[in-house]
Amino acid sequence: MKIGIPKAMLYYKYNVLWETFFTELGCEIILSENTNKKILNNGIIYSADESCLASKIYMGHIFSLIGKCDYIFIPRFCSFKNNDIICVKFNAFYDICSNVFDNINILTYDVDYLRGKSEFCGFLDMGKKLGASYMKTLRAYLIAKKKYKKQYKINVNNQNLFLEKSKKEDKLNILVVSHPYIVYDELLGKPIIIYLKKLNANLIYANVVDKKYIKNGWKNFSKTVYWEGSKELLSGLNNYLDSVDGIIFISVFTCGPDSLVNELCTRKLKEKACLNLILDELNSDTGIQTRLESFTDVLNDKKRIVLYG
């Protein structure tokens, strides 16, 4: 059984969980290629004009998998524990793809705690659809969940160690506040990350934060945020704020939650230099690089003033 997984959206958060689960069930995983101009252009063709850039890229990844696998994996996310919700696009992709693409076999699971649909039950349903026994599916899920949690802890520990080391270096420490599907995407965030490193900057990622901080860390910015992804980023921002020289927000046009949350943060962070980058289909590398150069110049000047007066 071949399962196609698009390398976009929540893949960058749950890839270890998903890939381990399907591998344990004996499935062959077919990943879409890294985001490129062809995938973006195809995504634009099959998306509504009002869709955000990340959604258009996702549609391009789905299109690239058609005909290459038995099922294309498109999970549905709506609500989580503690009444947290997620952007509606994560709930809509299943229906959108079902209606846009012909002859597409979709494998899915629902996460909607407000309606009694948990991740655990969703994975059991997928195993049943794939013809696996209850015990085999349960074992695969438990192994996948354990590996996912272990990898998350490793990522957090590695970043904390890197942060301690970076404080001793004569480099800028910059916090990147962006969703994983933006900052780790080959076409969206990777060029920005690569260029910042060329500018002699150490990068800390707000999405890599200990789970214990997510419970309340975001409340220092707003007590009414209810998007799960935004809470995670705000908690990371709050946790790393005092350890960095500046902050870069990276979002995509036309993301509603980010447009509100990022604006809220830049208004409250009056003593910390911030850069707000909004990516769209027409962005040029030159324009973004110029803004990054200007931002790092400002941070370096501020750092010199603090150190030498």
C-alpha atoms as a PDB file:
ATOM      1  CA  MET A   1       0.000   0.000   0.000  1.00  0.00           C
ATOM      2  CA  LYS A   2       1.423   3.362  -1.068  1.00  0.00           C
ATOM      3  CA  ILE A   3       0.516   6.421   0.991  1.00  0.00           C
ATOM      4  CA  GLY A   4       1.253   9.819  -0.520  1.00  0.00           C
ATOM      5  CA  ILE A   5       2.058  12.590   1.964  1.00  0.00           C
ATOM      6  CA  PRO A   6       2.322  16.220   0.808  1.00  0.00           C
ATOM      7  CA  LYS A   7       5.397  17.998   2.206  1.00  0.00           C
ATOM      8  CA  ALA A   8       3.470  21.075   3.186  1.00  0.00           C
ATOM      9  CA  MET A   9       1.369  22.525   5.996  1.00  0.00           C
ATOM     10  CA  LEU A  10       1.314  20.337   9.117  1.00  0.00           C
ATOM     11  CA  TYR A  11       3.747  17.827   7.643  1.00  0.00           C
ATOM     12  CA  TYR A  12       6.511  19.949   9.156  1.00  0.00           C
ATOM     13  CA  LYS A  13       5.009  19.466  12.611  1.00  0.00           C
ATOM     14  CA  TYR A  14       3.777  15.874  12.500  1.00  0.00           C
ATOM     15  CA  ASN A  15       6.037  14.204   9.925  1.00  0.00           C
ATOM     16  CA  VAL A  16       7.665  11.888  12.486  1.00  0.00           C
ATOM     17  CA  LEU A  17       4.253  10.812  13.830  1.00  0.00           C
ATOM     18  CA  TRP A  18       2.743  10.162  10.419  1.00  0.00           C
ATOM     19  CA  GLU A  19       5.676   8.494   8.733  1.00  0.00           C
ATOM     20  CA  THR A  20       6.383   6.211  11.688  1.00  0.00           C
ATOM     21  CA  PHE A  21       2.730   5.148  11.916  1.00  0.00           C
ATOM     22  CA  PHE A  22       2.421   4.214   8.252  1.00  0.00           C
ATOM     23  CA  THR A  23       5.812   2.518   8.218  1.00  0.00           C
ATOM     24  CA  GLU A  24       4.856   0.391  11.233  1.00  0.00           C
ATOM     25  CA  LEU A  25       1.728  -0.707   9.343  1.00  0.00           C
ATOM     26  CA  GLY A  26       3.894  -1.849   6.457  1.00  0.00           C
ATOM     27  CA  CYS A  27       2.904   0.932   4.060  1.00  0.00           C
ATOM     28  CA  GLU A  28       5.225   2.530   1.536  1.00  0.00           C
ATOM     29  CA  ILE A  29       5.426   6.304   1.944  1.00  0.00           C
ATOM     30  CA  ILE A  30       5.561   8.519  -1.123  1.00  0.00           C
ATOM     31  CA  LEU A  31       6.553  12.078  -0.232  1.00  0.00           C
ATOM     32  CA  SER A  32       5.971  14.946  -2.597  1.00  0.00           C
ATOM     33  CA  GLU A  33       9.123  16.780  -3.629  1.00  0.00           C
ATOM     34  CA  ASN A  34      10.284  19.960  -1.939  1.00  0.00           C
ATOM     35  CA  THR A  35       8.259  23.041  -2.773  1.00  0.00           C
ATOM     36  CA  ASN A  36       9.354  24.618  -6.043  1.00  0.00           C
ATOM     37  CA  LYS A  37       7.983  27.040  -8.623  1.00  0.00           C
ATOM     38  CA  LYS A  38       6.163  24.279 -10.504  1.00  0.00           C
ATOM     39  CA  ILE A  39       4.325  23.148  -7.373  1.00  0.00           C
ATOM     40  CA  LEU A  40       3.439  26.746  -6.542  1.00  0.00           C
ATOM     41  CA  ASN A  41       2.144  27.454 -10.057  1.00  0.00           C
ATOM     42  CA  ASN A  42      -0.002  24.315 -10.065  1.00  0.00           C
ATOM     43  CA  GLY A  43      -1.296  25.223  -6.618  1.00  0.00           C
ATOM     44  CA  ILE A  44      -2.343  28.648  -7.871  1.00  0.00           C
ATOM     45  CA  ILE A  45      -4.259  27.045 -10.729  1.00  0.00           C
ATOM     46  CA  TYR A  46      -6.267  24.815  -8.382  1.00  0.00           C
ATOM     47  CA  SER A  47      -6.869  27.395  -5.636  1.00  0.00           C
ATOM     48  CA  ALA A  48      -9.238  30.279  -5.123  1.00  0.00           C
ATOM     49  CA  ASP A  49      -7.589  33.687  -5.470  1.00  0.00           C
ATOM     50  CA  GLU A  50      -8.403  34.506  -1.831  1.00  0.00           C
ATOM     51  CA  SER A  51      -6.496  31.495  -0.479  1.00  0.00           C
ATOM     52  CA  CYS A  52      -3.313  32.172   1.468  1.00  0.00           C
ATOM     53  CA  LEU A  53       0.010  31.371  -0.161  1.00  0.00           C
ATOM     54  CA  ALA A  54       0.614  28.343   2.080  1.00  0.00           C
ATOM     55  CA  SER A  55      -2.761  26.877   1.060  1.00  0.00           C
ATOM     56  CA  LYS A  56      -1.953  27.308  -2.615  1.00  0.00           C
ATOM     57  CA  ILE A  57       1.343  25.513  -2.128  1.00  0.00           C
ATOM     58  CA  TYR A  58      -0.477  22.679  -0.364  1.00  0.00           C
ATOM     59  CA  MET A  59      -2.803  22.243  -3.332  1.00  0.00           C
ATOM     60  CA  GLY A  60       0.235  22.044  -5.602  1.00  0.00           C
ATOM     61  CA  HIS A  61       1.689  19.263  -3.463  1.00  0.00           C
ATOM     62  CA  ILE A  62      -1.592  17.343  -3.598  1.00  0.00           C
ATOM     63  CA  PHE A  63      -1.704  17.633  -7.393  1.00  0.00           C
ATOM     64  CA  SER A  64       1.892  16.367  -7.657  1.00  0.00           C
ATOM     65  CA  LEU A  65       0.960  13.130  -5.840  1.00  0.00           C
ATOM     66  CA  ILE A  66      -2.036  12.183  -7.980  1.00  0.00           C
ATOM     67  CA  GLY A  67      -1.427   8.895  -9.798  1.00  0.00           C
ATOM     68  CA  LYS A  68       1.664   8.039  -7.748  1.00  0.00           C
ATOM     69  CA  CYS A  69       0.056   6.285  -4.761  1.00  0.00           C
ATOM     70  CA  ASP A  70      -2.978   4.349  -3.556  1.00  0.00           C
ATOM     71  CA  TYR A  71      -4.045   7.026  -1.078  1.00  0.00           C
ATOM     72  CA  ILE A  72      -3.179  10.670  -0.582  1.00  0.00           C
ATOM     73  CA  PHE A  73      -3.057  11.543   3.095  1.00  0.00           C
ATOM     74  CA  ILE A  74      -5.089  14.663   3.938  1.00  0.00           C
ATOM     75  CA  PRO A  75      -5.858  14.909   7.680  1.00  0.00           C
ATOM     76  CA  ARG A  76      -8.579  17.149   9.083  1.00  0.00           C
ATOM     77  CA  PHE A  77      -7.896  19.375  12.079  1.00  0.00           C
ATOM     78  CA  CYS A  78     -10.538  21.516  13.732  1.00  0.00           C
ATOM     79  CA  SER A  79     -10.292  21.759  17.527  1.00  0.00           C
ATOM     80  CA  PHE A  80      -7.965  20.573  20.274  1.00  0.00           C
ATOM     81  CA  LYS A  81      -8.041  20.181  24.030  1.00  0.00           C
ATOM     82  CA  ASN A  82      -8.718  23.294  26.135  1.00  0.00           C
ATOM     83  CA  ASN A  83     -11.066  24.575  23.387  1.00  0.00           C
ATOM     84  CA  ASP A  84      -8.138  25.554  21.154  1.00  0.00           C
ATOM     85  CA  ILE A  85      -8.992  25.789  17.481  1.00  0.00           C
ATOM     86  CA  ILE A  86      -6.977  25.993  14.286  1.00  0.00           C
ATOM     87  CA  CYS A  87      -7.332  27.951  11.074  1.00  0.00           C
ATOM     88  CA  VAL A  88     -10.329  26.715   9.100  1.00  0.00           C
ATOM     89  CA  LYS A  89      -8.166  25.736   6.125  1.00  0.00           C
ATOM     90  CA  PHE A  90      -6.899  22.702   8.027  1.00  0.00           C
ATOM     91  CA  ASN A  91     -10.465  21.489   8.381  1.00  0.00           C
ATOM     92  CA  ALA A  92     -11.404  22.324   4.806  1.00  0.00           C
ATOM     93  CA  PHE A  93      -8.584  20.750   2.789  1.00  0.00           C
ATOM     94  CA  TYR A  94     -10.252  17.330   2.697  1.00  0.00           C
ATOM     95  CA  ASP A  95     -13.466  18.711   1.196  1.00  0.00           C
ATOM     96  CA  ILE A  96     -11.672  21.147  -1.093  1.00  0.00           C
ATOM     97  CA  CYS A  97      -9.433  18.448  -2.568  1.00  0.00           C
ATOM     98  CA  SER A  98     -12.350  16.019  -2.896  1.00  0.00           C
ATOM     99  CA  ASN A  99     -14.219  18.562  -5.009  1.00  0.00           C
ATOM    100  CA  VAL A 100     -11.318  20.047  -6.970  1.00  0.00           C
ATOM    101  CA  PHE A 101      -9.524  16.872  -8.039  1.00  0.00           C
ATOM    102  CA  ASP A 102     -11.160  13.973  -9.877  1.00  0.00           C
ATOM    103  CA  ASN A 103     -10.484  10.333  -9.023  1.00  0.00           C
ATOM    104  CA  ILE A 104      -8.501  11.088  -5.880  1.00  0.00           C
ATOM    105  CA  ASN A 105      -8.398   8.509  -3.081  1.00  0.00           C
ATOM    106  CA  ILE A 106      -8.028  10.291   0.236  1.00  0.00           C
ATOM    107  CA  LEU A 107      -6.945   8.821   3.559  1.00  0.00           C
ATOM    108  CA  THR A 108      -7.815  11.018   6.510  1.00  0.00           C
ATOM    109  CA  TYR A 109      -8.345  11.259  10.238  1.00  0.00           C
ATOM    110  CA  ASP A 110     -10.275  13.872  12.212  1.00  0.00           C
ATOM    111  CA  VAL A 111      -9.052  15.832  15.223  1.00  0.00           C
ATOM    112  CA  ASP A 112     -12.020  17.699  16.652  1.00  0.00           C
ATOM    113  CA  TYR A 113     -12.146  17.422  20.425  1.00  0.00           C
ATOM    114  CA  LEU A 114     -15.218  19.662  20.657  1.00  0.00           C
ATOM    115  CA  ARG A 115     -17.135  16.960  18.770  1.00  0.00           C
ATOM    116  CA  GLY A 116     -15.512  13.997  20.491  1.00  0.00           C
ATOM    117  CA  LYS A 117     -13.044  13.128  17.712  1.00  0.00           C
ATOM    118  CA  SER A 118      -9.593  12.508  19.169  1.00  0.00           C
ATOM    119  CA  GLU A 119      -6.273  11.825  17.462  1.00  0.00           C
ATOM    120  CA  PHE A 120      -6.177   8.331  18.982  1.00  0.00           C
ATOM    121  CA  CYS A 121      -9.552   7.328  17.536  1.00  0.00           C
ATOM    122  CA  GLY A 122      -8.618   8.860  14.205  1.00  0.00           C
ATOM    123  CA  PHE A 123      -5.501   6.722  13.898  1.00  0.00           C
ATOM    124  CA  LEU A 124      -7.465   3.600  14.830  1.00  0.00           C
ATOM    125  CA  ASP A 125      -9.946   4.382  12.055  1.00  0.00           C
ATOM    126  CA  MET A 126      -7.125   4.809   9.538  1.00  0.00           C
ATOM    127  CA  GLY A 127      -5.616   1.461  10.510  1.00  0.00           C
ATOM    128  CA  LYS A 128      -8.994  -0.211  10.009  1.00  0.00           C
ATOM    129  CA  LYS A 129      -9.383   1.370   6.566  1.00  0.00           C
ATOM    130  CA  LEU A 130      -5.924   0.131   5.606  1.00  0.00           C
ATOM    131  CA  GLY A 131      -6.862  -3.409   6.641  1.00  0.00           C
ATOM    132  CA  ALA A 132      -4.691  -3.597   9.766  1.00  0.00           C
ATOM    133  CA  SER A 133      -5.862  -5.314  12.924  1.00  0.00           C
ATOM    134  CA  TYR A 134      -6.749  -3.349  16.041  1.00  0.00           C
ATOM    135  CA  MET A 135      -3.649  -4.537  17.903  1.00  0.00           C
ATOM    136  CA  LYS A 136      -1.307  -3.796  15.006  1.00  0.00           C
ATOM    137  CA  THR A 137      -2.797  -0.342  14.606  1.00  0.00           C
ATOM    138  CA  LEU A 138      -2.606   0.350  18.340  1.00  0.00           C
ATOM    139  CA  ARG A 139       1.020  -0.741  18.439  1.00  0.00           C
ATOM    140  CA  ALA A 140       1.881   1.397  15.410  1.00  0.00           C
ATOM    141  CA  TYR A 141       0.240   4.463  16.956  1.00  0.00           C
ATOM    142  CA  LEU A 142       1.941   4.042  20.332  1.00  0.00           C
ATOM    143  CA  ILE A 143       5.350   3.624  18.691  1.00  0.00           C
ATOM    144  CA  ALA A 144       4.741   6.647  16.450  1.00  0.00           C
ATOM    145  CA  LYS A 145       3.543   8.818  19.328  1.00  0.00           C
ATOM    146  CA  LYS A 146       6.508   7.891  21.484  1.00  0.00           C
ATOM    147  CA  LYS A 147       8.953   8.644  18.676  1.00  0.00           C
ATOM    148  CA  TYR A 148       7.213  11.956  17.929  1.00  0.00           C
ATOM    149  CA  LYS A 149       7.446  13.092  21.570  1.00  0.00           C
ATOM    150  CA  LYS A 150      11.073  11.994  21.803  1.00  0.00           C
ATOM    151  CA  GLN A 151      12.010  13.935  18.671  1.00  0.00           C
ATOM    152  CA  TYR A 152      10.202  17.023  19.954  1.00  0.00           C
ATOM    153  CA  LYS A 153      12.191  16.917  23.203  1.00  0.00           C
ATOM    154  CA  ILE A 154      15.426  16.461  21.267  1.00  0.00           C
ATOM    155  CA  ASN A 155      14.628  19.512  19.138  1.00  0.00           C
ATOM    156  CA  VAL A 156      13.905  21.627  22.218  1.00  0.00           C
ATOM    157  CA  ASN A 157      17.043  20.470  24.040  1.00  0.00           C
ATOM    158  CA  ASN A 158      19.209  21.070  20.971  1.00  0.00           C
ATOM    159  CA  GLN A 159      17.865  24.589  20.590  1.00  0.00           C
ATOM    160  CA  ASN A 160      18.421  25.384  24.269  1.00  0.00           C
ATOM    161  CA  LEU A 161      22.012  24.141  24.033  1.00  0.00           C
ATOM    162  CA  PHE A 162      22.519  26.165  20.867  1.00  0.00           C
ATOM    163  CA  LEU A 163      21.122  29.253  22.559  1.00  0.00           C
ATOM    164  CA  GLU A 164      23.498  28.933  25.517  1.00  0.00           C
ATOM    165  CA  LYS A 165      26.419  28.534  23.133  1.00  0.00           C
ATOM    166  CA  SER A 166      25.310  31.459  20.961  1.00  0.00           C
ATOM    167  CA  LYS A 167      25.356  33.862  23.917  1.00  0.00           C
ATOM    168  CA  LYS A 168      29.131  33.488  24.032  1.00  0.00           C
ATOM    169  CA  GLU A 169      29.581  34.301  20.337  1.00  0.00           C
ATOM    170  CA  ASP A 170      29.929  37.699  18.739  1.00  0.00           C
ATOM    171  CA  LYS A 171      26.896  37.168  16.531  1.00  0.00           C
ATOM    172  CA  LEU A 172      23.357  38.441  16.418  1.00  0.00           C
ATOM    173  CA  ASN A 173      20.741  36.225  18.018  1.00  0.00           C
ATOM    174  CA  ILE A 174      17.527  36.521  16.050  1.00  0.00           C
ATOM    175  CA  LEU A 175      14.232  34.896  16.967  1.00  0.00           C
ATOM    176  CA  VAL A 176      12.212  33.645  14.000  1.00  0.00           C
ATOM    177  CA  VAL A 177       8.478  33.662  14.725  1.00  0.00           C
ATOM    178  CA  SER A 178       6.807  31.662  11.998  1.00  0.00           C
ATOM    179  CA  HIS A 179       4.771  28.494  11.528  1.00  0.00           C
ATOM    180  CA  PRO A 180       6.813  25.383  10.661  1.00  0.00           C
ATOM    181  CA  TYR A 181       5.134  25.082   7.259  1.00  0.00           C
ATOM    182  CA  ILE A 182       6.509  28.511   6.379  1.00  0.00           C
ATOM    183  CA  VAL A 183       9.926  28.672   7.982  1.00  0.00           C
ATOM    184  CA  TYR A 184      10.989  25.137   6.973  1.00  0.00           C
ATOM    185  CA  ASP A 185       9.503  25.230   3.481  1.00  0.00           C
ATOM    186  CA  GLU A 186      12.087  25.107   0.690  1.00  0.00           C
ATOM    187  CA  LEU A 187      10.511  27.962  -1.283  1.00  0.00           C
ATOM    188  CA  LEU A 188       9.135  30.151   1.516  1.00  0.00           C
ATOM    189  CA  GLY A 189      11.320  30.194   4.614  1.00  0.00           C
ATOM    190  CA  LYS A 190      14.515  28.362   3.682  1.00  0.00           C
ATOM    191  CA  PRO A 191      15.940  31.156   1.463  1.00  0.00           C
ATOM    192  CA  ILE A 192      15.396  33.634   4.308  1.00  0.00           C
ATOM    193  CA  ILE A 193      17.084  31.368   6.849  1.00  0.00           C
ATOM    194  CA  ILE A 194      20.044  30.728   4.551  1.00  0.00           C
ATOM    195  CA  TYR A 195      20.545  34.439   3.900  1.00  0.00           C
ATOM    196  CA  LEU A 196      20.314  35.358   7.579  1.00  0.00           C
ATOM    197  CA  LYS A 197      23.050  32.850   8.340  1.00  0.00           C
ATOM    198  CA  LYS A 198      25.181  34.459   5.646  1.00  0.00           C
ATOM    199  CA  LEU A 199      24.672  37.719   7.533  1.00  0.00           C
ATOM    200  CA  ASN A 200      26.337  36.124  10.580  1.00  0.00           C
ATOM    201  CA  ALA A 201      23.156  35.592  12.589  1.00  0.00           C
ATOM    202  CA  ASN A 202      22.285  32.817  15.023  1.00  0.00           C
ATOM    203  CA  LEU A 203      18.668  31.776  14.584  1.00  0.00           C
ATOM    204  CA  ILE A 204      16.269  30.670  17.313  1.00  0.00           C
ATOM    205  CA  TYR A 205      12.854  29.299  16.341  1.00  0.00           C
ATOM    206  CA  ALA A 206       9.753  30.231  18.330  1.00  0.00           C
ATOM    207  CA  ASN A 207       7.911  27.042  17.330  1.00  0.00           C
ATOM    208  CA  VAL A 208      10.554  24.944  19.114  1.00  0.00           C
ATOM    209  CA  VAL A 209       9.521  25.462  22.718  1.00  0.00           C
ATOM    210  CA  ASP A 210       8.992  23.221  25.724  1.00  0.00           C
ATOM    211  CA  LYS A 211       5.358  22.147  26.005  1.00  0.00           C
ATOM    212  CA  LYS A 212       5.197  23.351  29.609  1.00  0.00           C
ATOM    213  CA  TYR A 213       5.554  26.964  28.443  1.00  0.00           C
ATOM    214  CA  ILE A 214       2.669  26.715  25.963  1.00  0.00           C
ATOM    215  CA  LYS A 215       0.069  26.447  28.708  1.00  0.00           C
ATOM    216  CA  ASN A 216       0.382  30.058  29.857  1.00  0.00           C
ATOM    217  CA  GLY A 217       3.290  31.719  28.029  1.00  0.00           C
ATOM    218  CA  TRP A 218       1.112  33.251  25.321  1.00  0.00           C
ATOM    219  CA  LYS A 219      -1.036  35.103  27.869  1.00  0.00           C
ATOM    220  CA  ASN A 220       1.611  37.800  28.291  1.00  0.00           C
ATOM    221  CA  PHE A 221       0.635  39.075  24.850  1.00  0.00           C
ATOM    222  CA  SER A 222      -3.096  38.427  24.822  1.00  0.00           C
ATOM    223  CA  LYS A 223      -5.528  36.442  26.924  1.00  0.00           C
ATOM    224  CA  THR A 224      -8.001  36.016  24.073  1.00  0.00           C
ATOM    225  CA  VAL A 225      -5.886  34.154  21.507  1.00  0.00           C
ATOM    226  CA  TYR A 226      -7.512  30.837  20.673  1.00  0.00           C
ATOM    227  CA  TRP A 227      -5.582  29.558  17.639  1.00  0.00           C
ATOM    228  CA  GLU A 228      -3.434  26.614  18.658  1.00  0.00           C
ATOM    229  CA  GLY A 229      -0.546  27.528  16.348  1.00  0.00           C
ATOM    230  CA  SER A 230      -0.534  31.155  17.494  1.00  0.00           C
ATOM    231  CA  LYS A 231      -0.420  30.120  21.154  1.00  0.00           C
ATOM    232  CA  GLU A 232       2.610  27.968  20.432  1.00  0.00           C
ATOM    233  CA  LEU A 233       4.478  30.772  18.674  1.00  0.00           C
ATOM    234  CA  LEU A 234       3.579  33.366  21.301  1.00  0.00           C
ATOM    235  CA  SER A 235       4.770  31.030  24.045  1.00  0.00           C
ATOM    236  CA  GLY A 236       8.076  30.554  22.252  1.00  0.00           C
ATOM    237  CA  LEU A 237       8.358  34.301  21.730  1.00  0.00           C
ATOM    238  CA  ASN A 238       7.765  34.925  25.425  1.00  0.00           C
ATOM    239  CA  ASN A 239      10.261  32.229  26.430  1.00  0.00           C
ATOM    240  CA  TYR A 240      13.150  33.394  24.228  1.00  0.00           C
ATOM    241  CA  LEU A 241      12.458  37.147  24.246  1.00  0.00           C
ATOM    242  CA  ASP A 242      15.228  38.160  26.665  1.00  0.00           C
ATOM    243  CA  SER A 243      17.830  36.006  24.913  1.00  0.00           C
ATOM    244  CA  VAL A 244      17.698  37.572  21.440  1.00  0.00           C
ATOM    245  CA  ASP A 245      18.719  40.852  19.817  1.00  0.00           C
ATOM    246  CA  GLY A 246      15.800  41.063  17.416  1.00  0.00           C
ATOM    247  CA  ILE A 247      12.701  39.300  16.130  1.00  0.00           C
ATOM    248  CA  ILE A 248      11.582  38.435  12.608  1.00  0.00           C
ATOM    249  CA  PHE A 249       7.954  37.543  11.966  1.00  0.00           C
ATOM    250  CA  ILE A 250       7.433  35.582   8.759  1.00  0.00           C
ATOM    251  CA  SER A 251       3.895  35.020   7.499  1.00  0.00           C
ATOM    252  CA  VAL A 252       2.119  34.559   4.187  1.00  0.00           C
ATOM    253  CA  PHE A 253      -0.444  36.681   2.423  1.00  0.00           C
ATOM    254  CA  THR A 254      -3.407  36.471   3.282  1.00  0.00           C
ATOM    255  CA  CYS A 255      -3.186  34.694   6.656  1.00  0.00           C
ATOM    256  CA  GLY A 256      -5.869  36.074   8.962  1.00  0.00           C
ATOM    257  CA  PRO A 257      -4.592  34.806  12.337  1.00  0.00           C
ATOM    258  CA  ASP A 258      -1.008  35.923  11.666  1.00  0.00           C
ATOM    259  CA  SER A 259      -2.091  39.356  10.456  1.00  0.00           C
ATOM    260  CA  LEU A 260      -3.739  39.942  13.828  1.00  0.00           C
ATOM    261  CA  VAL A 261      -1.243  38.241  16.131  1.00  0.00           C
ATOM    262  CA  ASN A 262       1.911  39.624  14.495  1.00  0.00           C
ATOM    263  CA  GLU A 263       0.540  43.158  14.548  1.00  0.00           C
ATOM    264  CA  LEU A 264      -0.371  42.739  18.209  1.00  0.00           C
ATOM    265  CA  CYS A 265       3.170  41.616  19.026  1.00  0.00           C
ATOM    266  CA  THR A 266       4.999  44.354  17.133  1.00  0.00           C
ATOM    267  CA  ARG A 267       2.912  46.978  18.939  1.00  0.00           C
ATOM    268  CA  LYS A 268       3.672  45.526  22.372  1.00  0.00           C
ATOM    269  CA  LEU A 269       7.372  44.836  21.818  1.00  0.00           C
ATOM    270  CA  LYS A 270       8.475  48.450  21.908  1.00  0.00           C
ATOM    271  CA  GLU A 271      11.960  47.766  23.299  1.00  0.00           C
ATOM    272  CA  LYS A 272      12.863  44.976  20.882  1.00  0.00           C
ATOM    273  CA  ALA A 273      13.577  45.505  17.179  1.00  0.00           C
ATOM    274  CA  CYS A 274      11.090  43.633  14.989  1.00  0.00           C
ATOM    275  CA  LEU A 275      10.798  42.922  11.272  1.00  0.00           C
ATOM    276  CA  ASN A 276       7.510  41.737   9.794  1.00  0.00           C
ATOM    277  CA  LEU A 277       7.897  39.841   6.507  1.00  0.00           C
ATOM    278  CA  ILE A 278       4.750  38.921   4.578  1.00  0.00           C
ATOM    279  CA  LEU A 279       5.423  36.568   1.673  1.00  0.00           C
ATOM    280  CA  ASP A 280       3.296  36.404  -1.461  1.00  0.00           C
ATOM    281  CA  GLU A 281       3.531  34.992  -4.979  1.00  0.00           C
ATOM    282  CA  LEU A 282       5.312  38.086  -6.302  1.00  0.00           C
ATOM    283  CA  ASN A 283       8.099  38.397  -3.717  1.00  0.00           C
ATOM    284  CA  SER A 284      11.587  38.862  -5.093  1.00  0.00           C
ATOM    285  CA  ASP A 285      14.673  37.521  -3.342  1.00  0.00           C
ATOM    286  CA  THR A 286      16.392  40.848  -3.840  1.00  0.00           C
ATOM    287  CA  GLY A 287      13.690  42.814  -2.046  1.00  0.00           C
ATOM    288  CA  ILE A 288      13.638  40.460   0.921  1.00  0.00           C
ATOM    289  CA  GLN A 289      17.428  40.359   1.139  1.00  0.00           C
ATOM    290  CA  THR A 290      17.576  44.153   1.213  1.00  0.00           C
ATOM    291  CA  ARG A 291      15.169  44.240   4.149  1.00  0.00           C
ATOM    292  CA  LEU A 292      17.146  41.557   5.980  1.00  0.00           C
ATOM    293  CA  GLU A 293      20.401  43.450   5.452  1.00  0.00           C
ATOM    294  CA  SER A 294      18.858  46.672   6.758  1.00  0.00           C
ATOM    295  CA  PHE A 295      17.412  44.901   9.785  1.00  0.00           C
ATOM    296  CA  THR A 296      20.670  43.214  10.750  1.00  0.00           C
ATOM    297  CA  ASP A 297      22.527  46.537  10.270  1.00  0.00           C
ATOM    298  CA  VAL A 298      20.150  48.140  12.768  1.00  0.00           C
ATOM    299  CA  LEU A 299      20.661  45.287  15.243  1.00  0.00           C
ATOM    300  CA  ASN A 300      24.443  45.446  14.905  1.00  0.00           C
ATOM    301  CA  ASP A 301      24.415  49.213  15.506  1.00  0.00           C
ATOM    302  CA  LYS A 302      22.282  48.772  18.622  1.00  0.00           C
ATOM    303  CA  LYS A 303      24.580  46.044  19.892  1.00  0.00           C
ATOM    304  CA  ARG A 304      27.665  48.200  19.389  1.00  0.00           C
ATOM    305  CA  ILE A 305      26.058  51.081  21.265  1.00  0.00           C
ATOM    306  CA  VAL A 306      25.229  48.802  24.203  1.00  0.00           C
ATOM    307  CA  LEU A 307      28.713  47.299  24.313  1.00  0.00           C
ATOM    308  CA  TYR A 308      30.845  50.334  23.607  1.00  0.00           C
ATOM    309  CA  GLY A 309      28.579  53.329  24.133  1.00  0.00           C
END
